[in-house]
């Protein structure tokens, strides 16, 4: 299992379209992937769960991945959230 703090650097934060894109990125992997902020922890592959977080640009989350392709998942999601 990998856990890593990541700062969201998308100019719009995680509104509907960026959340949908994040869920698409996360869904490419077999690993379990979760996003945590404060007391909330949601499955990164769940569009409804991710929408409940209402994340803005500049906020820091904890991203965790657990599974056979956890490193690739972490790299891809971090790249997306860093707007690269």
PDB file of N, CA and C in Angstrom:
ATOM      1  N   UNK A   1       0.837  -1.182   0.000  1.00  0.00           N
ATOM      2  CA  UNK A   1       0.000   0.000   0.000  1.00  0.00           C
ATOM      3  C   UNK A   1       0.879   1.241   0.000  1.00  0.00           C
ATOM      4  N   UNK A   2       0.484   2.210  -0.821  1.00  0.00           N
ATOM      5  CA  UNK A   2       1.186   3.484  -0.900  1.00  0.00           C
ATOM      6  C   UNK A   2       0.217   4.575  -0.445  1.00  0.00           C
ATOM      7  N   UNK A   3       0.703   5.495   0.386  1.00  0.00           N
ATOM      8  CA  UNK A   3      -0.074   6.668   0.801  1.00  0.00           C
ATOM      9  C   UNK A   3       0.788   7.881   0.560  1.00  0.00           C
ATOM     10  N   UNK A   4       0.176   8.926  -0.006  1.00  0.00           N
ATOM     11  CA  UNK A   4       0.973  10.097  -0.346  1.00  0.00           C
ATOM     12  C   UNK A   4       0.107  11.352  -0.301  1.00  0.00           C
ATOM     13  N   UNK A   5       0.607  12.421   0.317  1.00  0.00           N
ATOM     14  CA  UNK A   5      -0.117  13.695   0.265  1.00  0.00           C
ATOM     15  C   UNK A   5       0.085  14.350  -1.097  1.00  0.00           C
ATOM     16  N   UNK A   6      -0.984  14.862  -1.664  1.00  0.00           N
ATOM     17  CA  UNK A   6      -0.929  15.502  -2.971  1.00  0.00           C
ATOM     18  C   UNK A   6      -1.737  16.799  -2.910  1.00  0.00           C
ATOM     19  N   UNK A   7      -1.185  17.854  -3.475  1.00  0.00           N
ATOM     20  CA  UNK A   7      -1.894  19.125  -3.557  1.00  0.00           C
ATOM     21  C   UNK A   7      -2.559  19.220  -4.922  1.00  0.00           C
ATOM     22  N   UNK A   8      -3.850  19.515  -4.932  1.00  0.00           N
ATOM     23  CA  UNK A   8      -4.599  19.637  -6.183  1.00  0.00           C
ATOM     24  C   UNK A   8      -4.176  20.926  -6.870  1.00  0.00           C
ATOM     25  N   UNK A   9      -3.721  20.802  -8.107  1.00  0.00           N
ATOM     26  CA  UNK A   9      -3.250  21.963  -8.845  1.00  0.00           C
ATOM     27  C   UNK A   9      -4.059  22.222 -10.109  1.00  0.00           C
ATOM     28  N   UNK A  10      -5.276  21.709 -10.140  1.00  0.00           N
ATOM     29  CA  UNK A  10      -6.158  21.993 -11.267  1.00  0.00           C
ATOM     30  C   UNK A  10      -6.804  23.346 -11.014  1.00  0.00           C
ATOM     31  N   UNK A  11      -6.777  24.235 -12.000  1.00  0.00           N
ATOM     32  CA  UNK A  11      -7.251  25.602 -11.792  1.00  0.00           C
ATOM     33  C   UNK A  11      -8.713  25.666 -11.354  1.00  0.00           C
ATOM     34  N   UNK A  12      -9.530  24.723 -11.797  1.00  0.00           N
ATOM     35  CA  UNK A  12     -10.954  24.738 -11.440  1.00  0.00           C
ATOM     36  C   UNK A  12     -11.258  23.901 -10.206  1.00  0.00           C
ATOM     37  N   UNK A  13     -10.239  23.268  -9.625  1.00  0.00           N
ATOM     38  CA  UNK A  13     -10.508  22.333  -8.539  1.00  0.00           C
ATOM     39  C   UNK A  13     -11.146  21.084  -9.120  1.00  0.00           C
ATOM     40  N   UNK A  14     -11.851  20.352  -8.293  1.00  0.00           N
ATOM     41  CA  UNK A  14     -12.482  19.122  -8.788  1.00  0.00           C
ATOM     42  C   UNK A  14     -13.986  19.338  -8.924  1.00  0.00           C
ATOM     43  N   UNK A  15     -14.361  19.995 -10.007  1.00  0.00           N
ATOM     44  CA  UNK A  15     -15.764  20.162 -10.359  1.00  0.00           C
ATOM     45  C   UNK A  15     -16.178  18.932 -11.153  1.00  0.00           C
ATOM     46  N   UNK A  16     -17.370  18.947 -11.718  1.00  0.00           N
ATOM     47  CA  UNK A  16     -17.928  17.763 -12.383  1.00  0.00           C
ATOM     48  C   UNK A  16     -17.014  17.159 -13.454  1.00  0.00           C
ATOM     49  N   UNK A  17     -16.554  17.953 -14.390  1.00  0.00           N
ATOM     50  CA  UNK A  17     -15.745  17.404 -15.475  1.00  0.00           C
ATOM     51  C   UNK A  17     -14.403  16.866 -14.981  1.00  0.00           C
ATOM     52  N   UNK A  18     -13.646  17.632 -14.167  1.00  0.00           N
ATOM     53  CA  UNK A  18     -12.379  17.078 -13.667  1.00  0.00           C
ATOM     54  C   UNK A  18     -12.570  15.842 -12.794  1.00  0.00           C
ATOM     55  N   UNK A  19     -13.669  15.773 -12.040  1.00  0.00           N
ATOM     56  CA  UNK A  19     -13.939  14.574 -11.236  1.00  0.00           C
ATOM     57  C   UNK A  19     -14.167  13.383 -12.161  1.00  0.00           C
ATOM     58  N   UNK A  20     -14.949  13.580 -13.222  1.00  0.00           N
ATOM     59  CA  UNK A  20     -15.205  12.491 -14.169  1.00  0.00           C
ATOM     60  C   UNK A  20     -13.902  12.005 -14.797  1.00  0.00           C
ATOM     61  N   UNK A  21     -13.009  12.940 -15.120  1.00  0.00           N
ATOM     62  CA  UNK A  21     -11.722  12.557 -15.705  1.00  0.00           C
ATOM     63  C   UNK A  21     -10.849  11.823 -14.693  1.00  0.00           C
ATOM     64  N   UNK A  22     -10.876  12.266 -13.446  1.00  0.00           N
ATOM     65  CA  UNK A  22     -10.107  11.590 -12.399  1.00  0.00           C
ATOM     66  C   UNK A  22     -10.614  10.163 -12.203  1.00  0.00           C
ATOM     67  N   UNK A  23     -11.926   9.990 -12.179  1.00  0.00           N
ATOM     68  CA  UNK A  23     -12.512   8.658 -12.024  1.00  0.00           C
ATOM     69  C   UNK A  23     -12.110   7.771 -13.200  1.00  0.00           C
ATOM     70  N   UNK A  24     -12.053   8.334 -14.409  1.00  0.00           N
ATOM     71  CA  UNK A  24     -11.610   7.562 -15.573  1.00  0.00           C
ATOM     72  C   UNK A  24     -10.157   7.116 -15.424  1.00  0.00           C
ATOM     73  N   UNK A  25      -9.316   8.021 -14.948  1.00  0.00           N
ATOM     74  CA  UNK A  25      -7.897   7.675 -14.740  1.00  0.00           C
ATOM     75  C   UNK A  25      -7.797   6.562 -13.702  1.00  0.00           C
ATOM     76  N   UNK A  26      -8.477   6.723 -12.566  1.00  0.00           N
ATOM     77  CA  UNK A  26      -8.413   5.733 -11.485  1.00  0.00           C
ATOM     78  C   UNK A  26      -8.970   4.379 -11.927  1.00  0.00           C
ATOM     79  N   UNK A  27     -10.009   4.400 -12.758  1.00  0.00           N
ATOM     80  CA  UNK A  27     -10.668   3.158 -13.177  1.00  0.00           C
ATOM     81  C   UNK A  27      -9.825   2.312 -14.122  1.00  0.00           C
ATOM     82  N   UNK A  28      -8.740   2.864 -14.627  1.00  0.00           N
ATOM     83  CA  UNK A  28      -7.848   2.106 -15.511  1.00  0.00           C
ATOM     84  C   UNK A  28      -7.021   1.074 -14.747  1.00  0.00           C
ATOM     85  N   UNK A  29      -7.019   1.185 -13.426  1.00  0.00           N
ATOM     86  CA  UNK A  29      -6.156   0.346 -12.611  1.00  0.00           C
ATOM     87  C   UNK A  29      -6.953  -0.649 -11.779  1.00  0.00           C
ATOM     88  N   UNK A  30      -6.327  -1.776 -11.495  1.00  0.00           N
ATOM     89  CA  UNK A  30      -6.969  -2.811 -10.684  1.00  0.00           C
ATOM     90  C   UNK A  30      -6.882  -2.519  -9.186  1.00  0.00           C
ATOM     91  N   UNK A  31      -5.932  -1.693  -8.790  1.00  0.00           N
ATOM     92  CA  UNK A  31      -5.727  -1.390  -7.372  1.00  0.00           C
ATOM     93  C   UNK A  31      -6.926  -0.668  -6.763  1.00  0.00           C
ATOM     94  N   UNK A  32      -7.057  -0.813  -5.442  1.00  0.00           N
ATOM     95  CA  UNK A  32      -8.026  -0.013  -4.699  1.00  0.00           C
ATOM     96  C   UNK A  32      -7.391   1.354  -4.514  1.00  0.00           C
ATOM     97  N   UNK A  33      -8.128   2.405  -4.857  1.00  0.00           N
ATOM     98  CA  UNK A  33      -7.596   3.763  -4.786  1.00  0.00           C
ATOM     99  C   UNK A  33      -8.566   4.625  -3.995  1.00  0.00           C
ATOM    100  N   UNK A  34      -8.046   5.318  -2.989  1.00  0.00           N
ATOM    101  CA  UNK A  34      -8.882   6.158  -2.134  1.00  0.00           C
ATOM    102  C   UNK A  34      -8.311   7.556  -2.020  1.00  0.00           C
ATOM    103  N   UNK A  35      -9.224   8.517  -1.873  1.00  0.00           N
ATOM    104  CA  UNK A  35      -8.872   9.915  -1.639  1.00  0.00           C
ATOM    105  C   UNK A  35      -9.390  10.268  -0.250  1.00  0.00           C
ATOM    106  N   UNK A  36      -8.513  10.839   0.570  1.00  0.00           N
ATOM    107  CA  UNK A  36      -8.894  11.240   1.926  1.00  0.00           C
ATOM    108  C   UNK A  36      -8.666  12.728   2.114  1.00  0.00           C
ATOM    109  N   UNK A  37      -9.602  13.367   2.796  1.00  0.00           N
ATOM    110  CA  UNK A  37      -9.424  14.745   3.228  1.00  0.00           C
ATOM    111  C   UNK A  37     -10.210  14.893   4.523  1.00  0.00           C
ATOM    112  N   UNK A  38      -9.522  15.333   5.550  1.00  0.00           N
ATOM    113  CA  UNK A  38     -10.169  15.424   6.864  1.00  0.00           C
ATOM    114  C   UNK A  38     -10.637  14.053   7.314  1.00  0.00           C
ATOM    115  N   UNK A  39     -11.898  13.953   7.684  1.00  0.00           N
ATOM    116  CA  UNK A  39     -12.464  12.685   8.147  1.00  0.00           C
ATOM    117  C   UNK A  39     -13.101  11.870   7.028  1.00  0.00           C
ATOM    118  N   UNK A  40     -13.099  12.408   5.802  1.00  0.00           N
ATOM    119  CA  UNK A  40     -13.739  11.715   4.683  1.00  0.00           C
ATOM    120  C   UNK A  40     -12.728  10.878   3.907  1.00  0.00           C
ATOM    121  N   UNK A  41     -13.158   9.689   3.523  1.00  0.00           N
ATOM    122  CA  UNK A  41     -12.341   8.797   2.694  1.00  0.00           C
ATOM    123  C   UNK A  41     -13.273   8.183   1.662  1.00  0.00           C
ATOM    124  N   UNK A  42     -12.998   8.430   0.378  1.00  0.00           N
ATOM    125  CA  UNK A  42     -13.876   7.907  -0.665  1.00  0.00           C
ATOM    126  C   UNK A  42     -13.076   7.152  -1.727  1.00  0.00           C
ATOM    127  N   UNK A  43     -13.756   6.249  -2.387  1.00  0.00           N
ATOM    128  CA  UNK A  43     -13.184   5.469  -3.473  1.00  0.00           C
ATOM    129  C   UNK A  43     -12.985   6.402  -4.670  1.00  0.00           C
ATOM    130  N   UNK A  44     -11.774   6.484  -5.185  1.00  0.00           N
ATOM    131  CA  UNK A  44     -11.470   7.375  -6.305  1.00  0.00           C
ATOM    132  C   UNK A  44     -12.136   6.922  -7.600  1.00  0.00           C
ATOM    133  N   UNK A  45     -12.690   5.710  -7.621  1.00  0.00           N
ATOM    134  CA  UNK A  45     -13.370   5.202  -8.807  1.00  0.00           C
ATOM    135  C   UNK A  45     -14.874   5.488  -8.759  1.00  0.00           C
ATOM    136  N   UNK A  46     -15.326   6.145  -7.699  1.00  0.00           N
ATOM    137  CA  UNK A  46     -16.748   6.455  -7.520  1.00  0.00           C
ATOM    138  C   UNK A  46     -16.999   7.931  -7.825  1.00  0.00           C
ATOM    139  N   UNK A  47     -17.687   8.200  -8.925  1.00  0.00           N
ATOM    140  CA  UNK A  47     -17.933   9.588  -9.296  1.00  0.00           C
ATOM    141  C   UNK A  47     -18.785  10.301  -8.248  1.00  0.00           C
ATOM    142  N   UNK A  48     -19.783   9.614  -7.699  1.00  0.00           N
ATOM    143  CA  UNK A  48     -20.634  10.246  -6.681  1.00  0.00           C
ATOM    144  C   UNK A  48     -19.850  10.498  -5.398  1.00  0.00           C
ATOM    145  N   UNK A  49     -19.021   9.558  -5.015  1.00  0.00           N
ATOM    146  CA  UNK A  49     -18.199   9.742  -3.824  1.00  0.00           C
ATOM    147  C   UNK A  49     -17.244  10.911  -3.978  1.00  0.00           C
ATOM    148  N   UNK A  50     -16.612  10.991  -5.127  1.00  0.00           N
ATOM    149  CA  UNK A  50     -15.654  12.074  -5.370  1.00  0.00           C
ATOM    150  C   UNK A  50     -16.351  13.431  -5.402  1.00  0.00           C
ATOM    151  N   UNK A  51     -17.552  13.488  -5.933  1.00  0.00           N
ATOM    152  CA  UNK A  51     -18.282  14.758  -5.995  1.00  0.00           C
ATOM    153  C   UNK A  51     -18.613  15.271  -4.591  1.00  0.00           C
ATOM    154  N   UNK A  52     -18.792  14.364  -3.633  1.00  0.00           N
ATOM    155  CA  UNK A  52     -19.139  14.800  -2.274  1.00  0.00           C
ATOM    156  C   UNK A  52     -17.996  15.534  -1.588  1.00  0.00           C
ATOM    157  N   UNK A  53     -16.781  15.377  -2.089  1.00  0.00           N
ATOM    158  CA  UNK A  53     -15.626  16.014  -1.444  1.00  0.00           C
ATOM    159  C   UNK A  53     -15.533  17.509  -1.734  1.00  0.00           C
ATOM    160  N   UNK A  54     -16.009  17.952  -2.897  1.00  0.00           N
ATOM    161  CA  UNK A  54     -15.966  19.362  -3.247  1.00  0.00           C
ATOM    162  C   UNK A  54     -14.585  19.970  -3.124  1.00  0.00           C
ATOM    163  N   UNK A  55     -13.602  19.354  -3.721  1.00  0.00           N
ATOM    164  CA  UNK A  55     -12.214  19.787  -3.583  1.00  0.00           C
ATOM    165  C   UNK A  55     -11.878  20.974  -4.473  1.00  0.00           C
ATOM    166  N   UNK A  56     -11.111  21.908  -3.929  1.00  0.00           N
ATOM    167  CA  UNK A  56     -10.687  23.098  -4.654  1.00  0.00           C
ATOM    168  C   UNK A  56      -9.198  23.041  -4.955  1.00  0.00           C
ATOM    169  N   UNK A  57      -8.791  23.850  -5.904  1.00  0.00           N
ATOM    170  CA  UNK A  57      -7.374  23.969  -6.224  1.00  0.00           C
ATOM    171  C   UNK A  57      -6.617  24.450  -4.987  1.00  0.00           C
ATOM    172  N   UNK A  58      -5.469  23.858  -4.742  1.00  0.00           N
ATOM    173  CA  UNK A  58      -4.647  24.225  -3.593  1.00  0.00           C
ATOM    174  C   UNK A  58      -4.892  23.364  -2.360  1.00  0.00           C
ATOM    175  N   UNK A  59      -5.991  22.606  -2.346  1.00  0.00           N
ATOM    176  CA  UNK A  59      -6.257  21.730  -1.195  1.00  0.00           C
ATOM    177  C   UNK A  59      -5.342  20.515  -1.251  1.00  0.00           C
ATOM    178  N   UNK A  60      -4.997  20.016  -0.072  1.00  0.00           N
ATOM    179  CA  UNK A  60      -4.146  18.831   0.010  1.00  0.00           C
ATOM    180  C   UNK A  60      -4.997  17.626   0.406  1.00  0.00           C
ATOM    181  N   UNK A  61      -4.799  16.548  -0.335  1.00  0.00           N
ATOM    182  CA  UNK A  61      -5.486  15.294  -0.063  1.00  0.00           C
ATOM    183  C   UNK A  61      -4.442  14.234   0.269  1.00  0.00           C
ATOM    184  N   UNK A  62      -4.921  13.123   0.784  1.00  0.00           N
ATOM    185  CA  UNK A  62      -4.073  11.935   0.940  1.00  0.00           C
ATOM    186  C   UNK A  62      -4.586  10.925  -0.071  1.00  0.00           C
ATOM    187  N   UNK A  63      -3.726  10.527  -0.984  1.00  0.00           N
ATOM    188  CA  UNK A  63      -4.071   9.537  -1.992  1.00  0.00           C
ATOM    189  C   UNK A  63      -3.466   8.209  -1.575  1.00  0.00           C
ATOM    190  N   UNK A  64      -4.274   7.163  -1.575  1.00  0.00           N
ATOM    191  CA  UNK A  64      -3.741   5.843  -1.243  1.00  0.00           C
ATOM    192  C   UNK A  64      -4.119   4.852  -2.338  1.00  0.00           C
ATOM    193  N   UNK A  65      -3.200   3.940  -2.605  1.00  0.00           N
ATOM    194  CA  UNK A  65      -3.422   2.899  -3.606  1.00  0.00           C
ATOM    195  C   UNK A  65      -2.888   1.589  -3.051  1.00  0.00           C
ATOM    196  N   UNK A  66      -3.654   0.525  -3.279  1.00  0.00           N
ATOM    197  CA  UNK A  66      -3.267  -0.781  -2.779  1.00  0.00           C
ATOM    198  C   UNK A  66      -3.617  -1.838  -3.826  1.00  0.00           C
ATOM    199  N   UNK A  67      -2.588  -2.510  -4.339  1.00  0.00           N
ATOM    200  CA  UNK A  67      -2.838  -3.551  -5.325  1.00  0.00           C
ATOM    201  C   UNK A  67      -1.642  -3.756  -6.227  1.00  0.00           C
ATOM    202  N   UNK A  68      -1.829  -4.601  -7.214  1.00  0.00           N
ATOM    203  CA  UNK A  68      -0.732  -5.006  -8.093  1.00  0.00           C
ATOM    204  C   UNK A  68      -0.150  -3.864  -8.931  1.00  0.00           C
ATOM    205  N   UNK A  69      -0.975  -2.876  -9.267  1.00  0.00           N
ATOM    206  CA  UNK A  69      -0.492  -1.761 -10.087  1.00  0.00           C
ATOM    207  C   UNK A  69      -0.563  -0.431  -9.328  1.00  0.00           C
ATOM    208  N   UNK A  70      -0.355  -0.505  -8.015  1.00  0.00           N
ATOM    209  CA  UNK A  70      -0.500   0.682  -7.164  1.00  0.00           C
ATOM    210  C   UNK A  70       0.467   1.805  -7.534  1.00  0.00           C
ATOM    211  N   UNK A  71       1.701   1.462  -7.909  1.00  0.00           N
ATOM    212  CA  UNK A  71       2.671   2.509  -8.238  1.00  0.00           C
ATOM    213  C   UNK A  71       2.282   3.246  -9.517  1.00  0.00           C
ATOM    214  N   UNK A  72       1.851   2.506 -10.511  1.00  0.00           N
ATOM    215  CA  UNK A  72       1.410   3.130 -11.767  1.00  0.00           C
ATOM    216  C   UNK A  72       0.162   3.983 -11.529  1.00  0.00           C
ATOM    217  N   UNK A  73      -0.742   3.487 -10.712  1.00  0.00           N
ATOM    218  CA  UNK A  73      -1.963   4.233 -10.387  1.00  0.00           C
ATOM    219  C   UNK A  73      -1.619   5.540  -9.689  1.00  0.00           C
ATOM    220  N   UNK A  74      -0.754   5.463  -8.708  1.00  0.00           N
ATOM    221  CA  UNK A  74      -0.353   6.651  -7.954  1.00  0.00           C
ATOM    222  C   UNK A  74       0.294   7.676  -8.879  1.00  0.00           C
ATOM    223  N   UNK A  75       1.184   7.230  -9.746  1.00  0.00           N
ATOM    224  CA  UNK A  75       1.879   8.124 -10.670  1.00  0.00           C
ATOM    225  C   UNK A  75       0.895   8.814 -11.612  1.00  0.00           C
ATOM    226  N   UNK A  76      -0.022   8.054 -12.183  1.00  0.00           N
ATOM    227  CA  UNK A  76      -0.982   8.619 -13.136  1.00  0.00           C
ATOM    228  C   UNK A  76      -1.920   9.626 -12.489  1.00  0.00           C
ATOM    229  N   UNK A  77      -2.422   9.296 -11.308  1.00  0.00           N
ATOM    230  CA  UNK A  77      -3.357  10.199 -10.631  1.00  0.00           C
ATOM    231  C   UNK A  77      -2.639  11.453 -10.153  1.00  0.00           C
ATOM    232  N   UNK A  78      -1.437  11.279  -9.631  1.00  0.00           N
ATOM    233  CA  UNK A  78      -0.669  12.445  -9.187  1.00  0.00           C
ATOM    234  C   UNK A  78      -0.378  13.364 -10.374  1.00  0.00           C
ATOM    235  N   UNK A  79      -0.036  12.781 -11.503  1.00  0.00           N
ATOM    236  CA  UNK A  79       0.233  13.569 -12.712  1.00  0.00           C
ATOM    237  C   UNK A  79      -1.018  14.338 -13.119  1.00  0.00           C
ATOM    238  N   UNK A  80      -2.173  13.697 -13.079  1.00  0.00           N
ATOM    239  CA  UNK A  80      -3.416  14.369 -13.441  1.00  0.00           C
ATOM    240  C   UNK A  80      -3.736  15.515 -12.483  1.00  0.00           C
ATOM    241  N   UNK A  81      -3.641  15.259 -11.189  1.00  0.00           N
ATOM    242  CA  UNK A  81      -3.979  16.286 -10.194  1.00  0.00           C
ATOM    243  C   UNK A  81      -2.973  17.430 -10.165  1.00  0.00           C
ATOM    244  N   UNK A  82      -1.760  17.167 -10.647  1.00  0.00           N
ATOM    245  CA  UNK A  82      -0.729  18.208 -10.712  1.00  0.00           C
ATOM    246  C   UNK A  82      -0.819  18.996 -12.007  1.00  0.00           C
ATOM    247  N   UNK A  83      -1.804  18.647 -12.839  1.00  0.00           N
ATOM    248  CA  UNK A  83      -2.069  19.364 -14.076  1.00  0.00           C
ATOM    249  C   UNK A  83      -0.885  19.317 -15.039  1.00  0.00           C
ATOM    250  N   UNK A  84      -0.253  18.153 -15.149  1.00  0.00           N
ATOM    251  CA  UNK A  84       0.907  18.009 -16.032  1.00  0.00           C
ATOM    252  C   UNK A  84       0.552  17.226 -17.269  1.00  0.00           C
TER     253      UNK A  84
END
